[in-house]
N, C-alpha and C. Protein backbone atom coordinates (compact mmCIF):
# COMPACT_ATOMS: atom_id res chain seq x y z
N ILE A 1 -33.88 -39.38 2.48
CA ILE A 1 -33.57 -39.83 3.63
C ILE A 1 -32.11 -40.67 3.71
N LEU A 2 -31.91 -41.26 2.64
CA LEU A 2 -30.77 -42.24 2.36
C LEU A 2 -29.48 -41.38 2.37
N PHE A 3 -29.56 -40.29 1.49
CA PHE A 3 -28.59 -39.26 1.36
C PHE A 3 -27.99 -38.60 2.57
N ASP A 4 -29.48 -38.53 3.28
CA ASP A 4 -28.75 -37.41 4.69
C ASP A 4 -28.05 -38.52 5.60
N TYR A 5 -28.51 -39.51 5.87
CA TYR A 5 -27.72 -40.54 6.79
C TYR A 5 -27.51 -42.01 6.25
N GLY A 6 -27.93 -42.17 5.23
CA GLY A 6 -27.81 -43.64 4.51
C GLY A 6 -26.21 -44.11 4.72
N PRO A 7 -25.24 -43.31 4.42
CA PRO A 7 -23.95 -43.78 4.71
C PRO A 7 -23.55 -44.53 6.07
N TYR A 8 -23.89 -43.59 6.97
CA TYR A 8 -24.14 -44.39 8.36
C TYR A 8 -24.63 -45.37 8.68
N LEU A 9 -26.30 -45.35 7.96
CA LEU A 9 -27.08 -46.63 8.01
C LEU A 9 -26.29 -48.08 7.44
N MET A 10 -25.64 -47.46 6.45
CA MET A 10 -25.53 -49.09 5.76
C MET A 10 -24.02 -49.37 6.36
N GLN A 11 -23.06 -48.28 6.20
CA GLN A 11 -21.71 -48.70 6.87
C GLN A 11 -21.76 -49.13 8.19
N GLU A 12 -22.20 -48.34 9.08
CA GLU A 12 -22.13 -48.64 10.66
C GLU A 12 -23.28 -49.42 11.25
N MET A 13 -24.31 -49.40 10.62
CA MET A 13 -25.25 -50.08 11.30
C MET A 13 -25.64 -51.44 10.63
N LEU A 14 -25.60 -51.77 9.20
CA LEU A 14 -25.94 -52.59 8.61
C LEU A 14 -24.83 -53.52 8.43
N ARG A 15 -23.77 -52.89 7.90
CA ARG A 15 -22.48 -54.00 7.67
C ARG A 15 -22.28 -54.82 8.93
N PRO A 16 -22.13 -54.42 9.91
CA PRO A 16 -21.99 -55.12 11.28
C PRO A 16 -22.76 -56.17 11.56
N ARG A 17 -23.98 -56.05 11.09
CA ARG A 17 -25.31 -56.93 11.48
C ARG A 17 -24.87 -58.08 10.21
N ILE A 18 -24.78 -57.93 8.93
CA ILE A 18 -24.79 -58.76 8.04
C ILE A 18 -23.48 -59.55 7.88
N GLY A 19 -22.07 -58.79 8.37
CA GLY A 19 -20.72 -59.34 7.94
C GLY A 19 -20.16 -58.34 6.83
N SER A 20 -19.15 -57.84 7.10
CA SER A 20 -18.16 -57.08 6.17
C SER A 20 -18.00 -57.67 4.95
N ASP A 21 -17.85 -59.39 4.71
CA ASP A 21 -17.67 -59.67 3.48
C ASP A 21 -18.98 -59.92 2.38
N ARG A 22 -20.20 -60.24 3.39
CA ARG A 22 -21.38 -60.26 2.77
C ARG A 22 -21.73 -58.73 2.13
N TYR A 23 -21.59 -57.96 2.99
CA TYR A 23 -21.89 -56.59 2.72
C TYR A 23 -21.08 -55.92 1.47
N HIS A 24 -19.80 -56.15 1.48
CA HIS A 24 -18.98 -55.68 0.61
C HIS A 24 -19.06 -56.38 -0.94
N GLY A 25 -19.18 -57.72 -0.54
CA GLY A 25 -19.62 -58.66 -1.75
C GLY A 25 -20.79 -58.11 -2.70
N ALA A 26 -21.98 -57.81 -2.06
CA ALA A 26 -23.16 -57.31 -2.36
C ALA A 26 -22.87 -55.89 -3.25
N PHE A 27 -22.11 -55.11 -2.75
CA PHE A 27 -21.74 -53.91 -3.35
C PHE A 27 -21.02 -54.13 -4.60
N ASP A 28 -19.90 -54.99 -4.61
CA ASP A 28 -19.12 -55.40 -5.73
C ASP A 28 -20.05 -55.96 -6.76
N LEU A 29 -20.85 -56.94 -6.58
CA LEU A 29 -21.73 -57.26 -7.49
C LEU A 29 -22.66 -56.40 -7.91
N LEU A 30 -23.20 -55.48 -7.33
CA LEU A 30 -24.03 -54.52 -7.68
C LEU A 30 -23.33 -53.66 -8.72
N ALA A 31 -22.50 -53.27 -8.06
CA ALA A 31 -21.46 -52.43 -9.15
C ALA A 31 -20.95 -53.01 -10.36
N ARG A 32 -20.56 -54.04 -10.56
CA ARG A 32 -20.32 -54.74 -11.80
C ARG A 32 -21.51 -55.18 -12.59
N GLU A 33 -22.64 -55.40 -11.92
CA GLU A 33 -23.83 -55.80 -12.79
C GLU A 33 -24.56 -54.40 -13.37
N HIS A 34 -24.47 -53.29 -12.60
CA HIS A 34 -25.45 -52.22 -13.13
C HIS A 34 -24.18 -50.98 -12.94
N ALA A 35 -22.88 -51.38 -13.44
CA ALA A 35 -22.01 -50.04 -13.70
C ALA A 35 -22.44 -48.83 -14.48
N HIS A 36 -23.41 -48.93 -15.23
CA HIS A 36 -23.85 -47.72 -15.87
C HIS A 36 -25.45 -47.64 -15.66
N SER A 37 -25.82 -48.15 -14.57
CA SER A 37 -27.47 -47.80 -14.36
C SER A 37 -27.74 -47.05 -13.04
N THR A 38 -28.74 -46.64 -12.95
CA THR A 38 -29.32 -45.81 -11.65
C THR A 38 -29.22 -46.68 -10.55
N ILE A 39 -28.68 -46.55 -9.48
CA ILE A 39 -28.85 -47.44 -8.47
C ILE A 39 -29.89 -46.98 -7.58
N THR A 40 -30.95 -47.72 -7.19
CA THR A 40 -32.03 -47.27 -6.30
C THR A 40 -32.20 -47.84 -5.15
N THR A 41 -32.68 -47.31 -4.11
CA THR A 41 -32.75 -47.78 -2.99
C THR A 41 -33.05 -49.35 -2.89
N GLU A 42 -34.14 -49.65 -3.57
CA GLU A 42 -34.43 -51.16 -3.91
C GLU A 42 -33.73 -52.00 -4.34
N ARG A 43 -32.84 -51.70 -5.25
CA ARG A 43 -31.84 -52.37 -5.88
C ARG A 43 -30.47 -52.94 -4.77
N ILE A 44 -30.46 -51.76 -3.92
CA ILE A 44 -29.31 -51.82 -3.03
C ILE A 44 -30.17 -53.13 -2.07
N GLN A 45 -31.47 -52.67 -1.54
CA GLN A 45 -31.72 -53.60 -0.74
C GLN A 45 -31.98 -55.21 -1.50
N ASP A 46 -32.31 -55.52 -2.63
CA ASP A 46 -32.24 -56.62 -3.10
C ASP A 46 -31.09 -57.27 -2.96
N TYR A 47 -29.87 -56.59 -3.39
CA TYR A 47 -28.58 -57.16 -3.49
C TYR A 47 -27.95 -57.38 -1.97
N LEU A 48 -28.53 -56.67 -1.20
CA LEU A 48 -28.16 -56.90 0.32
C LEU A 48 -28.55 -58.25 0.72
N GLU A 49 -30.22 -58.44 0.68
CA GLU A 49 -30.88 -59.47 0.77
C GLU A 49 -30.25 -60.55 0.21
N GLN A 50 -29.86 -60.77 -1.16
CA GLN A 50 -29.20 -61.84 -1.66
C GLN A 50 -28.01 -62.33 -0.98
N ALA A 51 -27.02 -61.40 -0.94
CA ALA A 51 -25.83 -61.57 0.13
C ALA A 51 -26.10 -62.10 1.44
N ASN A 52 -27.11 -61.70 2.03
CA ASN A 52 -27.58 -61.99 3.48
C ASN A 52 -28.18 -63.35 3.83
N GLY A 53 -28.83 -63.77 2.64
CA GLY A 53 -29.81 -64.88 2.61
C GLY A 53 -31.00 -64.64 3.50
N SER A 54 -31.56 -63.36 3.60
CA SER A 54 -32.67 -63.24 4.24
C SER A 54 -33.23 -61.82 4.19
N SER A 55 -34.22 -61.40 4.45
CA SER A 55 -34.91 -60.16 4.54
C SER A 55 -34.54 -59.14 5.09
N LEU A 56 -34.31 -57.91 4.53
CA LEU A 56 -34.09 -56.67 5.55
C LEU A 56 -35.05 -55.88 5.31
N ASP A 57 -36.33 -56.54 5.02
CA ASP A 57 -37.45 -55.25 5.39
C ASP A 57 -37.57 -54.44 6.42
N ASP A 58 -37.36 -55.15 7.48
CA ASP A 58 -37.51 -54.31 8.86
C ASP A 58 -36.45 -53.42 8.63
N PHE A 59 -35.36 -53.10 8.68
CA PHE A 59 -34.37 -52.38 8.73
C PHE A 59 -34.53 -51.49 7.76
N PHE A 60 -34.99 -51.59 6.28
CA PHE A 60 -34.99 -50.64 5.65
C PHE A 60 -36.31 -49.83 5.79
N ASP A 61 -37.70 -50.75 6.14
CA ASP A 61 -38.70 -49.82 6.60
C ASP A 61 -38.58 -49.15 7.80
N PHE A 62 -38.02 -49.51 8.61
CA PHE A 62 -37.69 -48.69 9.91
C PHE A 62 -36.52 -47.41 9.47
N TRP A 63 -35.38 -47.85 9.17
CA TRP A 63 -34.39 -46.72 9.30
C TRP A 63 -34.49 -45.92 7.77
N VAL A 64 -34.79 -46.64 6.68
CA VAL A 64 -34.76 -45.68 5.55
C VAL A 64 -35.92 -45.18 4.99
N TYR A 65 -37.15 -45.96 4.87
CA TYR A 65 -38.29 -45.29 4.56
C TYR A 65 -38.79 -44.90 5.53
N GLY A 66 -38.92 -45.30 6.56
CA GLY A 66 -39.51 -44.41 7.87
C GLY A 66 -38.64 -43.48 8.18
N GLY A 67 -37.31 -43.49 8.22
CA GLY A 67 -36.49 -42.58 8.49
C GLY A 67 -36.66 -41.89 9.97
N PHE A 68 -36.94 -43.28 10.94
CA PHE A 68 -37.01 -42.94 12.46
C PHE A 68 -35.71 -42.84 13.30
N ILE A 69 -35.58 -42.01 14.15
CA ILE A 69 -34.51 -41.81 15.01
C ILE A 69 -35.16 -41.79 16.21
N PRO A 70 -35.04 -43.09 17.00
CA PRO A 70 -35.65 -42.98 18.39
C PRO A 70 -34.72 -41.87 19.48
N LYS A 71 -35.71 -41.32 20.21
CA LYS A 71 -35.06 -40.48 21.10
C LYS A 71 -34.72 -41.22 22.51
N LYS A 72 -35.33 -42.52 22.69
CA LYS A 72 -34.85 -42.93 23.72
C LYS A 72 -35.18 -44.32 23.55
N VAL A 73 -34.14 -45.27 24.06
CA VAL A 73 -34.31 -46.81 24.26
C VAL A 73 -33.99 -46.99 25.48
N ALA A 74 -34.65 -47.74 26.23
CA ALA A 74 -34.15 -47.91 27.57
C ALA A 74 -34.25 -49.80 27.84
N LEU A 75 -33.35 -50.09 28.66
CA LEU A 75 -33.32 -51.64 28.87
C LEU A 75 -33.27 -51.56 30.52
N ARG A 76 -34.13 -52.43 31.05
CA ARG A 76 -34.56 -52.72 32.19
C ARG A 76 -34.36 -53.96 32.41
N TRP A 77 -33.74 -54.66 33.45
CA TRP A 77 -33.13 -55.88 33.55
C TRP A 77 -32.93 -56.66 34.97
N GLU A 78 -33.29 -57.82 34.99
CA GLU A 78 -32.96 -58.39 36.50
C GLU A 78 -32.32 -59.57 36.09
N TRP A 79 -31.52 -60.34 37.32
CA TRP A 79 -30.91 -61.62 37.19
C TRP A 79 -31.46 -62.15 38.40
N LYS A 80 -32.33 -63.38 38.28
CA LYS A 80 -32.62 -63.84 39.35
C LYS A 80 -32.79 -65.09 39.36
N ASP A 81 -32.13 -66.27 40.19
CA ASP A 81 -31.95 -67.56 40.19
C ASP A 81 -31.36 -67.94 38.77
N GLY A 82 -30.49 -67.55 38.22
CA GLY A 82 -29.91 -67.95 36.94
C GLY A 82 -30.65 -67.48 35.67
N GLN A 83 -31.30 -66.75 35.90
CA GLN A 83 -31.98 -66.09 34.54
C GLN A 83 -32.20 -64.63 34.45
N PHE A 84 -31.50 -64.28 33.28
CA PHE A 84 -31.57 -62.96 33.40
C PHE A 84 -32.90 -62.48 32.35
N ASN A 85 -33.57 -61.61 32.80
CA ASN A 85 -34.65 -61.12 31.75
C ASN A 85 -34.48 -59.77 31.44
N GLY A 86 -34.69 -59.13 30.64
CA GLY A 86 -34.75 -57.64 30.03
C GLY A 86 -36.02 -57.36 29.16
N GLU A 87 -36.36 -56.06 29.56
CA GLU A 87 -37.38 -55.45 28.83
C GLU A 87 -36.89 -54.18 28.36
N LEU A 88 -37.22 -54.07 26.95
CA LEU A 88 -36.59 -52.93 26.40
C LEU A 88 -37.99 -52.17 25.60
N THR A 89 -37.83 -50.96 26.03
CA THR A 89 -38.87 -49.93 25.35
C THR A 89 -38.18 -48.61 24.66
N CYS A 90 -38.90 -48.49 23.61
CA CYS A 90 -38.36 -47.47 22.44
C CYS A 90 -39.59 -46.35 22.50
N ASP A 91 -39.20 -45.06 22.34
CA ASP A 91 -40.24 -44.18 22.21
C ASP A 91 -41.08 -44.00 20.92
N VAL A 92 -40.57 -44.87 19.75
CA VAL A 92 -41.12 -45.02 18.52
C VAL A 92 -42.27 -46.32 18.86
N PRO A 93 -43.15 -46.16 18.90
CA PRO A 93 -44.30 -47.30 19.13
C PRO A 93 -44.81 -48.21 17.89
N PHE A 94 -44.07 -48.14 16.76
CA PHE A 94 -44.54 -48.53 15.91
C PHE A 94 -43.13 -49.27 14.90
N GLY A 95 -43.04 -50.23 14.04
CA GLY A 95 -41.94 -50.51 13.51
C GLY A 95 -41.15 -51.71 14.18
N ALA A 96 -40.21 -52.07 13.30
CA ALA A 96 -39.29 -53.28 13.63
C ALA A 96 -37.81 -52.56 13.77
N PHE A 97 -37.06 -52.80 14.80
CA PHE A 97 -35.48 -53.07 14.32
C PHE A 97 -35.13 -53.68 15.43
N ASP A 98 -33.53 -53.97 15.33
CA ASP A 98 -32.81 -54.64 16.34
C ASP A 98 -31.61 -54.22 16.99
N VAL A 99 -31.48 -54.34 18.10
CA VAL A 99 -30.50 -53.35 18.90
C VAL A 99 -29.31 -54.20 19.64
N ALA A 100 -28.15 -54.09 19.92
CA ALA A 100 -27.19 -54.99 20.33
C ALA A 100 -27.55 -54.83 22.06
N VAL A 101 -27.38 -55.86 22.84
CA VAL A 101 -27.15 -55.94 24.60
C VAL A 101 -26.09 -56.74 24.82
N ASP A 102 -25.01 -56.10 25.44
CA ASP A 102 -23.72 -56.76 25.71
C ASP A 102 -23.97 -57.26 27.07
N ILE A 103 -23.74 -58.50 27.42
CA ILE A 103 -23.78 -58.92 28.69
C ILE A 103 -22.23 -59.46 28.96
N ASP A 104 -21.71 -59.02 29.80
CA ASP A 104 -20.22 -59.34 30.06
C ASP A 104 -19.38 -60.02 28.83
N GLY A 105 -19.42 -59.02 27.86
CA GLY A 105 -19.02 -59.07 26.70
C GLY A 105 -19.51 -59.80 25.54
N ASP A 106 -20.57 -60.64 25.95
CA ASP A 106 -21.25 -61.35 24.82
C ASP A 106 -22.61 -60.47 24.45
N THR A 107 -22.41 -60.43 23.01
CA THR A 107 -23.31 -59.51 22.33
C THR A 107 -24.76 -60.60 21.88
N HIS A 108 -25.90 -59.57 22.02
CA HIS A 108 -27.26 -60.66 22.00
C HIS A 108 -28.22 -59.46 21.14
N TRP A 109 -28.61 -60.13 20.15
CA TRP A 109 -29.21 -59.18 19.41
C TRP A 109 -30.74 -58.98 19.85
N VAL A 110 -31.37 -58.04 20.34
CA VAL A 110 -32.93 -58.25 20.35
C VAL A 110 -33.70 -57.33 19.37
N ASP A 111 -34.82 -57.89 19.11
CA ASP A 111 -35.81 -57.54 18.46
C ASP A 111 -36.78 -56.38 19.07
N ILE A 112 -36.91 -55.33 18.53
CA ILE A 112 -37.84 -54.08 19.03
C ILE A 112 -39.16 -53.88 18.21
N LYS A 113 -39.89 -54.43 18.60
CA LYS A 113 -41.08 -54.52 17.57
C LYS A 113 -42.34 -53.59 18.26
N ASP A 114 -42.90 -52.38 17.56
CA ASP A 114 -43.87 -51.81 17.95
C ASP A 114 -43.50 -51.18 19.42
N GLY A 115 -42.51 -50.78 19.35
CA GLY A 115 -41.88 -50.16 20.88
C GLY A 115 -41.27 -50.99 22.14
N THR A 116 -41.50 -52.35 21.73
CA THR A 116 -40.85 -53.29 22.99
C THR A 116 -40.30 -54.40 22.65
N GLY A 117 -39.52 -55.03 23.37
CA GLY A 117 -38.71 -56.21 23.23
C GLY A 117 -38.32 -56.52 24.35
N THR A 118 -37.81 -57.95 24.18
CA THR A 118 -37.48 -58.73 25.52
C THR A 118 -36.32 -59.68 25.20
N LEU A 119 -35.43 -60.01 26.23
CA LEU A 119 -34.21 -60.72 26.13
C LEU A 119 -34.18 -61.65 27.23
N ASN A 120 -34.38 -62.81 27.34
CA ASN A 120 -34.64 -63.80 28.36
C ASN A 120 -33.25 -64.95 28.28
N LEU A 121 -32.76 -64.95 29.30
CA LEU A 121 -31.44 -66.05 28.86
C LEU A 121 -31.10 -66.67 30.41
N ALA A 122 -30.62 -67.95 30.28
CA ALA A 122 -30.25 -68.73 31.31
C ALA A 122 -28.65 -67.92 31.58
N LEU A 123 -28.47 -67.84 32.52
CA LEU A 123 -26.77 -67.35 32.79
C LEU A 123 -26.66 -67.99 34.20
N ALA A 124 -25.24 -68.62 34.20
CA ALA A 124 -25.32 -69.11 35.57
C ALA A 124 -24.51 -68.31 36.52
N THR A 125 -24.05 -67.10 36.29
CA THR A 125 -23.61 -66.24 37.35
C THR A 125 -24.18 -64.93 37.24
N GLU A 126 -24.35 -64.20 38.10
CA GLU A 126 -24.79 -62.53 37.84
C GLU A 126 -24.42 -62.09 36.89
N PRO A 127 -24.72 -61.26 35.82
CA PRO A 127 -23.61 -60.32 35.02
C PRO A 127 -23.00 -59.35 35.66
N GLU A 128 -22.02 -59.02 35.53
CA GLU A 128 -20.91 -57.77 35.94
C GLU A 128 -21.30 -56.52 35.18
N SER A 129 -21.75 -56.61 33.69
CA SER A 129 -21.65 -55.44 33.00
C SER A 129 -22.73 -55.78 31.77
N VAL A 130 -23.92 -55.06 32.02
CA VAL A 130 -24.74 -54.98 31.01
C VAL A 130 -24.94 -53.42 30.31
N GLN A 131 -24.56 -53.75 29.00
CA GLN A 131 -24.91 -52.52 28.09
C GLN A 131 -25.91 -52.37 26.85
N LEU A 132 -26.40 -51.36 26.65
CA LEU A 132 -27.18 -51.22 25.68
C LEU A 132 -26.65 -50.63 24.49
N ASP A 133 -26.57 -51.21 23.47
CA ASP A 133 -25.76 -50.78 22.17
C ASP A 133 -24.39 -49.88 22.64
N PRO A 134 -23.41 -50.93 23.00
CA PRO A 134 -22.22 -50.29 23.74
C PRO A 134 -21.50 -49.60 22.90
N ASP A 135 -21.52 -50.10 21.28
CA ASP A 135 -20.80 -49.29 20.44
C ASP A 135 -21.48 -48.12 19.74
N HIS A 136 -22.33 -47.69 20.49
CA HIS A 136 -23.24 -46.65 19.57
C HIS A 136 -23.68 -46.80 18.47
N ARG A 137 -23.62 -47.78 17.69
CA ARG A 137 -23.92 -48.18 16.36
C ARG A 137 -25.33 -47.82 15.84
N THR A 138 -26.24 -48.00 16.79
CA THR A 138 -27.84 -47.66 16.51
C THR A 138 -28.19 -46.30 16.53
N LEU A 139 -28.82 -45.70 15.49
CA LEU A 139 -29.10 -44.23 15.73
C LEU A 139 -30.38 -44.09 16.99
N ILE A 140 -29.56 -44.00 17.96
CA ILE A 140 -30.50 -43.54 19.21
C ILE A 140 -30.21 -42.33 19.77
N VAL A 141 -31.00 -41.41 20.20
CA VAL A 141 -30.68 -40.28 20.77
C VAL A 141 -29.95 -40.63 22.19
N LYS A 142 -30.73 -41.34 23.08
CA LYS A 142 -30.27 -41.47 24.29
C LYS A 142 -30.54 -43.06 24.99
N ARG A 143 -29.82 -43.80 25.35
CA ARG A 143 -29.97 -45.22 25.45
C ARG A 143 -29.45 -45.55 27.22
N THR A 144 -30.31 -46.48 27.75
CA THR A 144 -30.10 -46.72 29.11
C THR A 144 -30.15 -47.98 29.44
N ALA A 145 -29.62 -48.71 30.25
CA ALA A 145 -29.57 -49.88 30.70
C ALA A 145 -29.66 -49.70 32.65
N LYS A 146 -30.78 -50.38 33.02
CA LYS A 146 -30.95 -50.30 34.46
C LYS A 146 -31.06 -51.51 34.90
N ARG A 147 -30.77 -51.82 36.26
CA ARG A 147 -31.04 -53.12 36.89
C ARG A 147 -32.34 -52.85 37.67
N VAL A 148 -33.22 -53.65 37.55
CA VAL A 148 -34.45 -53.02 38.50
C VAL A 148 -35.07 -54.53 38.83
N ASP A 149 -36.25 -54.64 39.70
CA ASP A 149 -36.67 -55.89 39.92
C ASP A 149 -37.98 -55.80 38.99
N LEU A 150 -38.19 -56.50 38.36
CA LEU A 150 -39.34 -56.61 37.40
C LEU A 150 -40.58 -57.31 37.91
N ASP A 151 -40.62 -57.76 39.17
CA ASP A 151 -41.79 -58.50 39.46
C ASP A 151 -42.77 -57.28 40.00
């Protein structure tokens, strides 16, 4: 799986989340310390986690080891009395990953676990633009964002 779409997962999905400096630093250190060794997925994960300072288990479990590509992720949202409430659903009902939600140019990362996620924010004004994964970096076949009344 890593060879089929691994470069995209690493470069387009993981690098923006942990930052280019940490990402490239991890691979630089990995290459220097293991120049003539076999590089395993586990070793890549270990170096990226060290650079990031936190676990990447959810990312690797869902995207690399599970190899899941959601067919649909949907965001249903409302803004009422200064509160933005969003509900995300995914057609993969297990595992965990995060996805970007852009609200008027501000990016918020939402964890989707076992097919659902929520985003609740105090916003002084009604959003003019709400987009799910606006840069299309997450491997999702179809993404939608729709304003609804969640009551």
